[in-house]
Structure formats: structure tokens, C-alpha cells
Amino acid sequence: MTINYPQGTANQFPSNLQPQRPTIFGDRGMTLEEEINDSNKYYRNHNLAVIYKKPTPIQIVKVDYPKRSRAVIKEAYFRQASTTDYNGVYRGYYIDFEAKETRHKDSFPLSNFHQHQIDHLHQCLQQQGICFAFVKFVTLKRYFILPASVLIKFWQQAQKGGKKSMSRTFIATHALEIHPGYNPVLPYLEACDHLIQTLGDHHV
């Protein structure tokens, strides 16, 4: 199927919030999206949070019917540029985040993001939303919650000639590492709790 796209100061997390890495129960060959979806289902089933992957509206322009009972989409266009991958509500707070994977071991290219996504995260932050990037280093099986404020600042510096990728060391310093478990696979609401606390501290 052919899909055509339209034209179109950082807080460091306390070291005591970064526990020793336990035996990994997550991954199991799943993509980051599958792991997050599985975790979100657990959270909804236990009335902890209501967070979903955002549907992406497309305009179908070509459909093939190899069988009467089955239609195959051959060509479609995104109606508009997508914002971020997930949103929902937790503890009365609006949650919004982008999920990204990389097979690089020591860096995370900013090319994984787009300007309209950065603008969207910035607007959500202005409305006191809890926003972040969920980053997975696939080969290392390490997961990080990177606050949107950190991502936005790094992005802005890159637009002025700064670095075009974040080192893993930078991310580990400015993000909260998530350790996979069983239920949920990715217990990322713990990171949301910290971001909510940070938001409250800024209001004091």
C-alpha cells in the first residue's frame, strides 16, 4: 500500500528514581507501539488511566478487490500531518506523547521528529499538559520518558546549528528510565507521576 504524506531549561531526574535494572519481562519481540498499547489496555482495565493511540485520518484513493469478501487498499493519502501518537487522561491531567524507536546504540537522531510535532507538544505544555517522548533503544532494550520541555529546547538549539541527535548519555541524564515488567509491560505512569510532581513544584 502506498501512503503519501502531505507537504508540508531541562530538569534532571533524581538518581533515586532510577533503580537498578531488573530482569526484563517486556519486549518479547514486540514493537514499542505494541508494548505501549498493551500497557494502556492494562491501565484502562484497572481504571488507572484512559490513554489511546490517536487514529490517523486517511483519504483512500485506490482499492483492489482480489476477492468479493475482501478489499485491499492500494493507495491512500494522509488528510493532514499527524501530531503525536498518544493522548488521554490520568489523575485529571491531560497526557500527550510521541513514541519513537531507534536501533542506534549511542544516539537518537532528531530526524525522528517533525516540526509540527514539536509545535503541538509546545502548545500542550502551555495548557499544563503532561507531555513527553517515549524513546526505545531497540538493541539495548532500554526505555526512556523524555520530558517534552527537554526535547523542545534541544530541537530549538538544533535549528540554530546545534547537534542533530541526542546522545544516549544526554537522554539518560534528562529522562526517566522505564524498566519493563509483566503487568503492565511498560509501567510508564510512574514517570507521569514524577512529571505531575514537577509541574506542581513549578507552581509553588
N, C-alpha and C. Protein backbone atom coordinates (compact mmCIF):
# COMPACT_ATOMS: atom_id res chain seq x y z
N MET A 1 0.85 -1.19 0.00
CA MET A 1 0.00 0.00 0.00
C MET A 1 0.88 1.24 0.00
N THR A 2 0.58 2.20 -0.84
CA THR A 2 1.33 3.45 -0.92
C THR A 2 0.58 4.52 -0.15
N ILE A 3 1.26 5.13 0.81
CA ILE A 3 0.66 6.22 1.58
C ILE A 3 1.50 7.47 1.35
N ASN A 4 0.89 8.55 0.96
CA ASN A 4 1.59 9.78 0.63
C ASN A 4 1.38 10.81 1.72
N TYR A 5 2.47 11.34 2.24
CA TYR A 5 2.40 12.36 3.28
C TYR A 5 2.10 13.72 2.68
N PRO A 6 1.41 14.58 3.42
CA PRO A 6 1.16 15.93 2.91
C PRO A 6 2.45 16.73 2.91
N GLN A 7 2.51 17.79 2.10
CA GLN A 7 3.68 18.64 2.12
C GLN A 7 3.69 19.41 3.44
N GLY A 8 4.11 19.44 3.23
CA GLY A 8 4.00 20.20 4.41
C GLY A 8 5.36 20.66 5.19
N THR A 9 14.74 25.34 30.30
CA THR A 9 15.93 24.75 30.90
C THR A 9 15.48 23.37 31.37
N ALA A 10 16.26 22.33 31.06
CA ALA A 10 15.83 20.95 31.26
C ALA A 10 15.97 20.50 32.70
N ASN A 11 14.99 19.72 33.15
CA ASN A 11 15.03 19.19 34.52
C ASN A 11 15.65 17.82 34.54
N GLN A 12 16.61 17.60 35.40
CA GLN A 12 17.23 16.29 35.54
C GLN A 12 16.47 15.51 36.59
N PHE A 13 16.25 14.22 36.31
CA PHE A 13 15.52 13.39 37.26
C PHE A 13 16.47 12.93 38.36
N PRO A 14 16.00 12.92 39.59
CA PRO A 14 16.83 12.46 40.71
C PRO A 14 17.32 11.04 40.49
N SER A 15 18.54 10.78 40.92
CA SER A 15 19.11 9.45 40.72
C SER A 15 18.34 8.38 41.48
N ASN A 16 17.67 8.76 42.55
CA ASN A 16 16.95 7.76 43.32
C ASN A 16 15.69 7.28 42.62
N LEU A 17 15.32 7.95 41.50
CA LEU A 17 14.18 7.50 40.71
C LEU A 17 14.61 6.57 39.60
N GLN A 18 15.91 6.24 39.55
CA GLN A 18 16.42 5.37 38.51
C GLN A 18 16.98 4.11 39.18
N PRO A 19 16.10 3.14 39.52
CA PRO A 19 16.52 1.94 40.22
C PRO A 19 17.38 1.03 39.36
N GLN A 20 18.00 0.07 40.02
CA GLN A 20 18.79 -0.91 39.28
C GLN A 20 17.91 -1.67 38.33
N ARG A 21 18.46 -2.01 37.17
CA ARG A 21 17.65 -2.65 36.14
C ARG A 21 17.36 -4.10 36.53
N PRO A 22 16.08 -4.47 36.63
CA PRO A 22 15.71 -5.82 37.00
C PRO A 22 15.69 -6.73 35.78
N THR A 23 15.33 -7.98 36.00
CA THR A 23 15.17 -8.89 34.89
C THR A 23 14.09 -8.36 33.97
N ILE A 24 14.37 -8.37 32.66
CA ILE A 24 13.44 -7.79 31.70
C ILE A 24 12.34 -8.78 31.35
N PHE A 25 11.09 -8.38 31.60
CA PHE A 25 9.94 -9.20 31.26
C PHE A 25 9.27 -8.69 29.99
N GLY A 26 9.54 -7.42 29.65
CA GLY A 26 8.89 -6.83 28.49
C GLY A 26 9.54 -7.24 27.19
N ASP A 27 9.30 -6.45 26.16
CA ASP A 27 9.81 -6.67 24.82
C ASP A 27 9.14 -7.87 24.18
N ARG A 28 9.68 -9.06 24.36
CA ARG A 28 9.12 -10.28 23.77
C ARG A 28 8.95 -10.13 22.26
N GLY A 29 9.85 -9.37 21.63
CA GLY A 29 9.78 -9.20 20.20
C GLY A 29 8.75 -8.19 19.74
N MET A 30 8.08 -7.52 20.67
CA MET A 30 7.06 -6.55 20.30
C MET A 30 7.68 -5.21 19.94
N THR A 31 6.99 -4.46 19.10
CA THR A 31 7.41 -3.10 18.82
C THR A 31 7.04 -2.22 20.00
N LEU A 32 7.60 -1.02 20.04
CA LEU A 32 7.27 -0.10 21.12
C LEU A 32 5.78 0.21 21.12
N GLU A 33 5.20 0.39 19.94
CA GLU A 33 3.77 0.67 19.84
C GLU A 33 2.95 -0.46 20.45
N GLU A 34 3.31 -1.70 20.17
CA GLU A 34 2.58 -2.84 20.72
C GLU A 34 2.72 -2.89 22.24
N GLU A 35 3.91 -2.59 22.73
CA GLU A 35 4.15 -2.60 24.18
C GLU A 35 3.34 -1.52 24.88
N ILE A 36 3.30 -0.34 24.28
CA ILE A 36 2.52 0.75 24.87
C ILE A 36 1.03 0.44 24.81
N ASN A 37 0.57 -0.07 23.67
CA ASN A 37 -0.85 -0.42 23.55
C ASN A 37 -1.25 -1.47 24.58
N ASP A 38 -0.38 -2.45 24.79
CA ASP A 38 -0.65 -3.50 25.78
C ASP A 38 -0.72 -2.89 27.18
N SER A 39 0.20 -1.97 27.47
CA SER A 39 0.22 -1.31 28.78
C SER A 39 -1.01 -0.45 28.98
N ASN A 40 -1.40 0.28 27.92
CA ASN A 40 -2.58 1.13 28.02
C ASN A 40 -3.85 0.31 28.27
N LYS A 41 -3.92 -0.84 27.65
CA LYS A 41 -5.07 -1.72 27.87
C LYS A 41 -5.13 -2.15 29.33
N TYR A 42 -3.98 -2.48 29.91
CA TYR A 42 -3.91 -2.85 31.33
C TYR A 42 -4.38 -1.68 32.20
N TYR A 43 -3.89 -0.47 31.89
CA TYR A 43 -4.26 0.69 32.67
C TYR A 43 -5.77 0.97 32.60
N ARG A 44 -6.34 0.82 31.41
CA ARG A 44 -7.79 1.04 31.27
C ARG A 44 -8.58 -0.03 32.01
N ASN A 45 -8.17 -1.28 31.88
CA ASN A 45 -8.89 -2.37 32.55
C ASN A 45 -8.86 -2.26 34.06
N HIS A 46 -7.83 -1.58 34.59
CA HIS A 46 -7.72 -1.42 36.03
C HIS A 46 -8.09 0.00 36.49
N ASN A 47 -8.74 0.74 35.59
CA ASN A 47 -9.23 2.09 35.91
C ASN A 47 -8.12 3.01 36.45
N LEU A 48 -6.94 2.88 35.88
CA LEU A 48 -5.81 3.70 36.30
C LEU A 48 -5.62 4.92 35.40
N ALA A 49 -5.86 4.76 34.11
CA ALA A 49 -5.71 5.83 33.14
C ALA A 49 -6.47 5.46 31.87
N VAL A 50 -6.84 6.47 31.12
CA VAL A 50 -7.51 6.24 29.84
C VAL A 50 -6.67 6.91 28.76
N ILE A 51 -5.82 6.12 28.12
CA ILE A 51 -4.89 6.64 27.12
C ILE A 51 -4.96 5.74 25.88
N TYR A 52 -5.09 6.36 24.72
CA TYR A 52 -5.22 5.62 23.47
C TYR A 52 -4.25 6.14 22.42
N LYS A 53 -3.98 5.30 21.46
CA LYS A 53 -3.24 5.74 20.28
C LYS A 53 -4.20 6.53 19.41
N LYS A 54 -3.74 7.67 18.93
CA LYS A 54 -4.59 8.52 18.11
C LYS A 54 -4.81 7.91 16.73
N PRO A 55 -6.04 7.88 16.25
CA PRO A 55 -6.28 7.41 14.88
C PRO A 55 -5.78 8.45 13.89
N THR A 56 -5.25 7.98 12.78
CA THR A 56 -4.76 8.88 11.75
C THR A 56 -5.71 8.87 10.56
N PRO A 57 -6.41 9.97 10.31
CA PRO A 57 -7.38 10.01 9.20
C PRO A 57 -6.68 9.94 7.84
N ILE A 58 -7.15 9.06 6.97
CA ILE A 58 -6.57 8.94 5.63
C ILE A 58 -7.67 9.04 4.58
N GLN A 59 -7.28 9.44 3.41
CA GLN A 59 -8.19 9.51 2.26
C GLN A 59 -7.82 8.36 1.32
N ILE A 60 -8.71 7.40 1.17
CA ILE A 60 -8.46 6.25 0.31
C ILE A 60 -8.75 6.63 -1.14
N VAL A 61 -7.79 6.37 -2.02
CA VAL A 61 -7.96 6.74 -3.43
C VAL A 61 -7.91 5.55 -4.38
N LYS A 62 -7.42 4.41 -3.89
CA LYS A 62 -7.35 3.25 -4.77
C LYS A 62 -7.56 1.97 -3.96
N VAL A 63 -8.55 1.19 -4.37
CA VAL A 63 -8.88 -0.06 -3.67
C VAL A 63 -8.94 -1.19 -4.69
N ASP A 64 -8.35 -2.33 -4.31
CA ASP A 64 -8.38 -3.52 -5.17
C ASP A 64 -9.27 -4.56 -4.49
N TYR A 65 -10.01 -5.31 -5.30
CA TYR A 65 -10.89 -6.34 -4.77
C TYR A 65 -10.49 -7.71 -5.32
N PRO A 66 -9.42 -8.32 -4.74
CA PRO A 66 -8.99 -9.64 -5.22
C PRO A 66 -10.05 -10.71 -4.98
N LYS A 67 -10.86 -10.50 -3.93
CA LYS A 67 -11.96 -11.40 -3.63
C LYS A 67 -13.18 -10.55 -3.28
N ARG A 68 -14.35 -11.06 -3.52
CA ARG A 68 -15.56 -10.28 -3.24
C ARG A 68 -15.69 -9.92 -1.76
N SER A 69 -15.17 -10.81 -0.92
CA SER A 69 -15.32 -10.61 0.52
C SER A 69 -14.17 -9.82 1.13
N ARG A 70 -13.22 -9.39 0.32
CA ARG A 70 -12.05 -8.72 0.90
C ARG A 70 -11.57 -7.60 -0.01
N ALA A 71 -11.43 -6.41 0.56
CA ALA A 71 -10.93 -5.26 -0.18
C ALA A 71 -9.52 -4.93 0.30
N VAL A 72 -8.63 -4.58 -0.61
CA VAL A 72 -7.25 -4.25 -0.28
C VAL A 72 -6.97 -2.81 -0.70
N ILE A 73 -6.58 -1.97 0.27
CA ILE A 73 -6.25 -0.59 -0.03
C ILE A 73 -4.88 -0.54 -0.70
N LYS A 74 -4.83 0.02 -1.88
CA LYS A 74 -3.59 0.10 -2.64
C LYS A 74 -2.91 1.46 -2.55
N GLU A 75 -3.70 2.50 -2.36
CA GLU A 75 -3.13 3.85 -2.27
C GLU A 75 -4.01 4.72 -1.40
N ALA A 76 -3.39 5.50 -0.53
CA ALA A 76 -4.13 6.39 0.34
C ALA A 76 -3.26 7.59 0.70
N TYR A 77 -3.90 8.67 1.11
CA TYR A 77 -3.20 9.89 1.49
C TYR A 77 -3.59 10.30 2.90
N PHE A 78 -2.60 10.75 3.66
CA PHE A 78 -2.93 11.33 4.95
C PHE A 78 -3.65 12.65 4.70
N ARG A 79 -4.77 12.86 5.35
CA ARG A 79 -5.55 14.08 5.15
C ARG A 79 -4.83 15.29 5.73
N GLN A 80 -4.07 15.06 6.80
CA GLN A 80 -3.32 16.14 7.42
C GLN A 80 -2.15 15.55 8.16
N ALA A 81 -1.16 16.39 8.44
CA ALA A 81 0.01 15.91 9.18
C ALA A 81 -0.41 15.48 10.57
N SER A 82 0.04 14.32 11.01
CA SER A 82 -0.31 13.83 12.33
C SER A 82 0.42 14.64 13.40
N THR A 83 -0.11 14.65 14.60
CA THR A 83 0.55 15.37 15.70
C THR A 83 1.44 14.39 16.45
N THR A 84 0.93 13.85 17.54
CA THR A 84 1.69 12.85 18.30
C THR A 84 0.91 11.54 18.33
N ASP A 85 1.54 10.51 18.86
CA ASP A 85 0.97 9.17 18.78
C ASP A 85 -0.15 8.88 19.78
N TYR A 86 0.00 9.39 21.01
CA TYR A 86 -0.93 9.00 22.08
C TYR A 86 -1.42 10.21 22.86
N ASN A 87 -2.66 10.08 23.36
CA ASN A 87 -3.15 11.07 24.31
C ASN A 87 -4.25 10.46 25.17
N GLY A 88 -4.55 11.14 26.27
CA GLY A 88 -5.57 10.63 27.18
C GLY A 88 -5.57 11.40 28.48
N VAL A 89 -6.08 10.77 29.52
CA VAL A 89 -6.18 11.45 30.81
C VAL A 89 -5.72 10.51 31.92
N TYR A 90 -5.01 11.11 32.90
CA TYR A 90 -4.52 10.36 34.06
C TYR A 90 -4.51 11.31 35.26
N ARG A 91 -5.19 10.91 36.32
CA ARG A 91 -5.28 11.70 37.55
C ARG A 91 -5.80 13.11 37.27
N GLY A 92 -6.64 13.24 36.25
CA GLY A 92 -7.19 14.54 35.93
C GLY A 92 -6.29 15.39 35.04
N TYR A 93 -5.15 14.85 34.64
CA TYR A 93 -4.21 15.57 33.79
C TYR A 93 -4.28 15.05 32.36
N TYR A 94 -4.15 15.98 31.42
CA TYR A 94 -4.09 15.60 30.01
C TYR A 94 -2.70 15.05 29.71
N ILE A 95 -2.64 13.87 29.09
CA ILE A 95 -1.39 13.21 28.74
C ILE A 95 -1.24 13.20 27.23
N ASP A 96 -0.06 13.55 26.74
CA ASP A 96 0.18 13.57 25.30
C ASP A 96 1.64 13.20 25.05
N PHE A 97 1.85 12.20 24.19
CA PHE A 97 3.25 11.83 23.94
C PHE A 97 3.45 11.16 22.59
N GLU A 98 4.69 11.20 22.15
CA GLU A 98 5.13 10.58 20.91
C GLU A 98 6.01 9.39 21.26
N ALA A 99 5.84 8.29 20.53
CA ALA A 99 6.64 7.08 20.77
C ALA A 99 7.61 6.88 19.61
N LYS A 100 8.89 6.71 19.93
CA LYS A 100 9.91 6.56 18.89
C LYS A 100 10.89 5.45 19.25
N GLU A 101 11.31 4.72 18.24
CA GLU A 101 12.32 3.68 18.41
C GLU A 101 13.57 4.02 17.60
N THR A 102 14.71 3.52 18.04
CA THR A 102 15.93 3.65 17.27
C THR A 102 16.79 2.41 17.49
N ARG A 103 17.51 2.02 16.44
CA ARG A 103 18.43 0.90 16.56
C ARG A 103 19.86 1.38 16.82
N HIS A 104 20.02 2.70 16.85
CA HIS A 104 21.31 3.26 17.25
C HIS A 104 21.52 2.94 18.73
N LYS A 105 22.75 2.65 19.09
CA LYS A 105 23.03 2.32 20.48
C LYS A 105 23.42 3.54 21.31
N ASP A 106 24.02 4.54 20.66
CA ASP A 106 24.58 5.64 21.42
C ASP A 106 23.97 7.00 21.13
N SER A 107 23.01 7.06 20.21
CA SER A 107 22.42 8.36 19.89
C SER A 107 21.00 8.19 19.38
N PHE A 108 20.25 9.31 19.43
CA PHE A 108 18.88 9.31 18.96
C PHE A 108 18.71 10.49 18.02
N PRO A 109 18.60 10.26 16.71
CA PRO A 109 18.51 11.35 15.72
C PRO A 109 17.23 12.17 15.87
N LEU A 110 17.37 13.48 15.76
CA LEU A 110 16.20 14.35 15.81
C LEU A 110 15.33 14.20 14.57
N SER A 111 15.86 13.57 13.53
CA SER A 111 15.08 13.35 12.30
C SER A 111 13.87 12.46 12.57
N ASN A 112 13.84 11.83 13.74
CA ASN A 112 12.67 11.02 14.13
C ASN A 112 11.45 11.89 14.39
N PHE A 113 11.69 13.19 14.62
CA PHE A 113 10.60 14.11 14.92
C PHE A 113 10.39 15.10 13.78
N HIS A 114 9.23 15.77 13.81
CA HIS A 114 8.91 16.78 12.80
C HIS A 114 8.49 18.07 13.49
N GLN A 115 8.64 19.18 12.80
CA GLN A 115 8.36 20.48 13.40
C GLN A 115 6.93 20.57 13.93
N HIS A 116 5.96 20.02 13.19
CA HIS A 116 4.57 20.14 13.64
C HIS A 116 4.33 19.35 14.94
N GLN A 117 5.12 18.30 15.17
CA GLN A 117 5.00 17.55 16.42
C GLN A 117 5.58 18.35 17.58
N ILE A 118 6.71 19.00 17.32
CA ILE A 118 7.32 19.85 18.35
C ILE A 118 6.38 21.00 18.69
N ASP A 119 5.78 21.62 17.68
CA ASP A 119 4.84 22.72 17.91
C ASP A 119 3.64 22.24 18.73
N HIS A 120 3.15 21.05 18.41
CA HIS A 120 2.00 20.50 19.14
C HIS A 120 2.34 20.27 20.61
N LEU A 121 3.48 19.67 20.87
CA LEU A 121 3.90 19.42 22.25
C LEU A 121 4.05 20.73 23.02
N HIS A 122 4.60 21.73 22.34
CA HIS A 122 4.78 23.04 22.98
C HIS A 122 3.42 23.64 23.36
N GLN A 123 2.45 23.55 22.46
CA GLN A 123 1.11 24.08 22.74
C GLN A 123 0.46 23.34 23.90
N CYS A 124 0.64 22.02 23.95
CA CYS A 124 0.06 21.23 25.05
C CYS A 124 0.71 21.59 26.38
N LEU A 125 2.01 21.83 26.37
CA LEU A 125 2.70 22.24 27.59
C LEU A 125 2.17 23.58 28.10
N GLN A 126 1.87 24.47 27.17
CA GLN A 126 1.34 25.78 27.57
C GLN A 126 -0.01 25.65 28.27
N GLN A 127 -0.72 24.55 28.00
CA GLN A 127 -2.00 24.30 28.66
C GLN A 127 -1.85 23.37 29.87
N GLN A 128 -0.62 23.25 30.37
CA GLN A 128 -0.31 22.45 31.55
C GLN A 128 -0.52 20.95 31.32
N GLY A 129 -0.36 20.51 30.09
CA GLY A 129 -0.45 19.08 29.80
C GLY A 129 0.83 18.36 30.23
N ILE A 130 0.72 17.06 30.42
CA ILE A 130 1.89 16.23 30.75
C ILE A 130 2.35 15.62 29.42
N CYS A 131 3.47 16.11 28.91
CA CYS A 131 3.89 15.76 27.55
C CYS A 131 5.33 15.24 27.55
N PHE A 132 5.58 14.26 26.70
CA PHE A 132 6.92 13.66 26.65
C PHE A 132 7.10 12.83 25.38
N ALA A 133 8.33 12.38 25.19
CA ALA A 133 8.65 11.43 24.12
C ALA A 133 9.02 10.12 24.79
N PHE A 134 8.43 9.05 24.31
CA PHE A 134 8.71 7.71 24.83
C PHE A 134 9.74 7.10 23.88
N VAL A 135 10.97 6.98 24.33
CA VAL A 135 12.07 6.56 23.47
C VAL A 135 12.53 5.15 23.81
N LYS A 136 12.70 4.33 22.79
CA LYS A 136 13.19 2.97 22.98
C LYS A 136 14.46 2.75 22.18
N PHE A 137 15.54 2.35 22.86
CA PHE A 137 16.75 1.89 22.19
C PHE A 137 16.58 0.38 21.99
N VAL A 138 16.21 0.02 20.77
CA VAL A 138 15.77 -1.35 20.48
C VAL A 138 16.83 -2.39 20.80
N THR A 139 18.05 -2.20 20.33
CA THR A 139 19.08 -3.23 20.51
C THR A 139 19.51 -3.36 21.97
N LEU A 140 19.37 -2.27 22.73
CA LEU A 140 19.75 -2.29 24.14
C LEU A 140 18.58 -2.66 25.04
N LYS A 141 17.35 -2.63 24.48
CA LYS A 141 16.14 -2.90 25.24
C LYS A 141 16.03 -1.96 26.45
N ARG A 142 16.27 -0.67 26.16
CA ARG A 142 16.17 0.35 27.20
C ARG A 142 15.11 1.38 26.78
N TYR A 143 14.35 1.83 27.75
CA TYR A 143 13.21 2.71 27.52
C TYR A 143 13.35 3.98 28.37
N PHE A 144 13.04 5.11 27.76
CA PHE A 144 13.15 6.38 28.47
C PHE A 144 11.93 7.27 28.22
N ILE A 145 11.53 7.98 29.27
CA ILE A 145 10.50 9.01 29.15
C ILE A 145 11.23 10.35 29.17
N LEU A 146 11.27 11.02 28.01
CA LEU A 146 11.98 12.29 27.88
C LEU A 146 10.97 13.43 27.91
N PRO A 147 11.02 14.30 28.92
CA PRO A 147 10.06 15.40 29.01
C PRO A 147 10.07 16.25 27.75
N ALA A 148 8.89 16.69 27.34
CA ALA A 148 8.78 17.49 26.12
C ALA A 148 9.59 18.78 26.23
N SER A 149 9.68 19.33 27.43
CA SER A 149 10.44 20.57 27.60
C SER A 149 11.90 20.38 27.20
N VAL A 150 12.45 19.23 27.52
CA VAL A 150 13.84 18.94 27.17
C VAL A 150 13.97 18.75 25.66
N LEU A 151 13.05 17.99 25.09
CA LEU A 151 13.07 17.76 23.65
C LEU A 151 12.94 19.06 22.88
N ILE A 152 12.02 19.92 23.28
CA ILE A 152 11.78 21.18 22.59
C ILE A 152 13.02 22.08 22.64
N LYS A 153 13.63 22.17 23.80
CA LYS A 153 14.82 23.01 23.93
C LYS A 153 15.95 22.49 23.05
N PHE A 154 16.14 21.17 23.04
CA PHE A 154 17.20 20.57 22.22
C PHE A 154 16.90 20.82 20.74
N TRP A 155 15.63 20.68 20.35
CA TRP A 155 15.21 20.90 18.96
C TRP A 155 15.50 22.35 18.54
N GLN A 156 15.16 23.29 19.39
CA GLN A 156 15.37 24.70 19.08
C GLN A 156 16.85 25.00 18.90
N GLN A 157 17.69 24.39 19.72
CA GLN A 157 19.13 24.59 19.58
C GLN A 157 19.64 23.98 18.28
N ALA A 158 19.05 22.84 17.89
CA ALA A 158 19.45 22.19 16.65
C ALA A 158 19.12 23.06 15.45
N GLN A 159 17.99 23.77 15.51
CA GLN A 159 17.59 24.65 14.41
C GLN A 159 18.53 25.84 14.26
N LYS A 160 19.29 26.11 15.30
CA LYS A 160 20.25 27.21 15.27
C LYS A 160 21.67 26.73 15.00
N GLY A 161 21.78 25.48 14.55
CA GLY A 161 23.10 24.94 14.22
C GLY A 161 23.66 23.98 15.24
N GLY A 162 22.86 23.64 16.25
CA GLY A 162 23.32 22.72 17.29
C GLY A 162 23.30 21.27 16.82
N LYS A 163 23.52 20.37 17.73
CA LYS A 163 23.59 18.94 17.42
C LYS A 163 22.26 18.44 16.86
N LYS A 164 22.35 17.52 15.91
CA LYS A 164 21.17 16.97 15.25
C LYS A 164 20.72 15.64 15.85
N SER A 165 21.39 15.21 16.88
CA SER A 165 20.99 13.98 17.57
C SER A 165 21.35 14.08 19.04
N MET A 166 20.57 13.40 19.87
CA MET A 166 20.83 13.36 21.30
C MET A 166 21.65 12.12 21.63
N SER A 167 22.66 12.29 22.41
CA SER A 167 23.42 11.12 22.84
C SER A 167 22.60 10.33 23.85
N ARG A 168 22.89 9.04 23.94
CA ARG A 168 22.18 8.21 24.93
C ARG A 168 22.48 8.72 26.34
N THR A 169 23.69 9.23 26.54
CA THR A 169 24.07 9.75 27.85
C THR A 169 23.22 10.97 28.20
N PHE A 170 22.99 11.84 27.20
CA PHE A 170 22.14 13.02 27.43
C PHE A 170 20.74 12.59 27.81
N ILE A 171 20.19 11.62 27.07
CA ILE A 171 18.84 11.16 27.35
C ILE A 171 18.76 10.52 28.73
N ALA A 172 19.73 9.69 29.05
CA ALA A 172 19.72 9.02 30.36
C ALA A 172 19.81 10.03 31.51
N THR A 173 20.45 11.17 31.25
CA THR A 173 20.60 12.20 32.28
C THR A 173 19.34 13.03 32.46
N HIS A 174 18.64 13.28 31.35
CA HIS A 174 17.49 14.18 31.38
C HIS A 174 16.14 13.47 31.35
N ALA A 175 16.16 12.16 31.28
CA ALA A 175 14.91 11.40 31.18
C ALA A 175 14.79 10.43 32.35
N LEU A 176 13.63 9.84 32.45
CA LEU A 176 13.40 8.80 33.46
C LEU A 176 13.38 7.46 32.74
N GLU A 177 14.22 6.55 33.17
CA GLU A 177 14.27 5.24 32.52
C GLU A 177 13.14 4.35 33.04
N ILE A 178 12.47 3.68 32.11
CA ILE A 178 11.37 2.77 32.43
C ILE A 178 11.86 1.34 32.30
N HIS A 179 11.64 0.54 33.32
CA HIS A 179 12.09 -0.85 33.30
C HIS A 179 10.90 -1.76 33.02
N PRO A 180 10.95 -2.53 31.94
CA PRO A 180 9.83 -3.40 31.56
C PRO A 180 9.45 -4.36 32.67
N GLY A 181 8.17 -4.68 32.72
CA GLY A 181 7.67 -5.62 33.72
C GLY A 181 6.73 -6.61 33.08
N TYR A 182 5.80 -7.10 33.87
CA TYR A 182 4.84 -8.10 33.37
C TYR A 182 3.48 -7.46 33.15
N ASN A 183 2.88 -6.91 34.19
CA ASN A 183 1.61 -6.19 34.08
C ASN A 183 1.71 -4.88 34.85
N PRO A 184 1.81 -3.76 34.15
CA PRO A 184 1.87 -3.64 32.69
C PRO A 184 3.26 -3.92 32.15
N VAL A 185 3.35 -4.08 30.86
CA VAL A 185 4.64 -4.33 30.21
C VAL A 185 5.57 -3.14 30.43
N LEU A 186 5.03 -1.93 30.25
CA LEU A 186 5.81 -0.71 30.44
C LEU A 186 5.10 0.17 31.47
N PRO A 187 5.54 0.15 32.72
CA PRO A 187 4.88 0.92 33.78
C PRO A 187 5.23 2.41 33.73
N TYR A 188 4.81 3.07 32.67
CA TYR A 188 5.25 4.45 32.47
C TYR A 188 4.44 5.48 33.26
N LEU A 189 3.35 5.06 33.90
CA LEU A 189 2.61 6.02 34.72
C LEU A 189 3.44 6.51 35.90
N GLU A 190 4.45 5.73 36.29
CA GLU A 190 5.36 6.17 37.35
C GLU A 190 6.09 7.44 36.91
N ALA A 191 6.47 7.48 35.63
CA ALA A 191 7.12 8.67 35.11
C ALA A 191 6.15 9.83 35.04
N CYS A 192 4.89 9.54 34.69
CA CYS A 192 3.87 10.59 34.65
C CYS A 192 3.68 11.19 36.04
N ASP A 193 3.73 10.36 37.08
CA ASP A 193 3.61 10.85 38.45
C ASP A 193 4.71 11.87 38.74
N HIS A 194 5.92 11.55 38.28
CA HIS A 194 7.04 12.46 38.53
C HIS A 194 6.86 13.77 37.76
N LEU A 195 6.40 13.68 36.52
CA LEU A 195 6.18 14.88 35.73
C LEU A 195 5.07 15.75 36.34
N ILE A 196 4.06 15.11 36.90
CA ILE A 196 2.99 15.84 37.57
C ILE A 196 3.53 16.55 38.80
N GLN A 197 4.38 15.86 39.55
CA GLN A 197 5.00 16.46 40.73
C GLN A 197 5.87 17.65 40.33
N THR A 198 6.61 17.50 39.24
CA THR A 198 7.46 18.58 38.75
C THR A 198 6.61 19.78 38.35
N LEU A 199 5.47 19.52 37.71
CA LEU A 199 4.55 20.59 37.32
C LEU A 199 4.04 21.32 38.56
N GLY A 200 3.71 20.56 39.60
CA GLY A 200 3.24 21.17 40.84
C GLY A 200 4.32 22.01 41.50
N ASP A 201 5.57 21.53 41.47
CA ASP A 201 6.67 22.27 42.07
C ASP A 201 6.87 23.63 41.39
N HIS A 202 6.63 23.66 40.07
CA HIS A 202 6.80 24.91 39.34
C HIS A 202 5.72 25.93 39.67
N HIS A 203 4.62 25.44 40.24
CA HIS A 203 3.52 26.34 40.58
C HIS A 203 3.66 26.90 42.00
N VAL A 204 4.61 26.35 42.75
CA VAL A 204 4.78 26.80 44.13
C VAL A 204 5.40 28.21 44.17
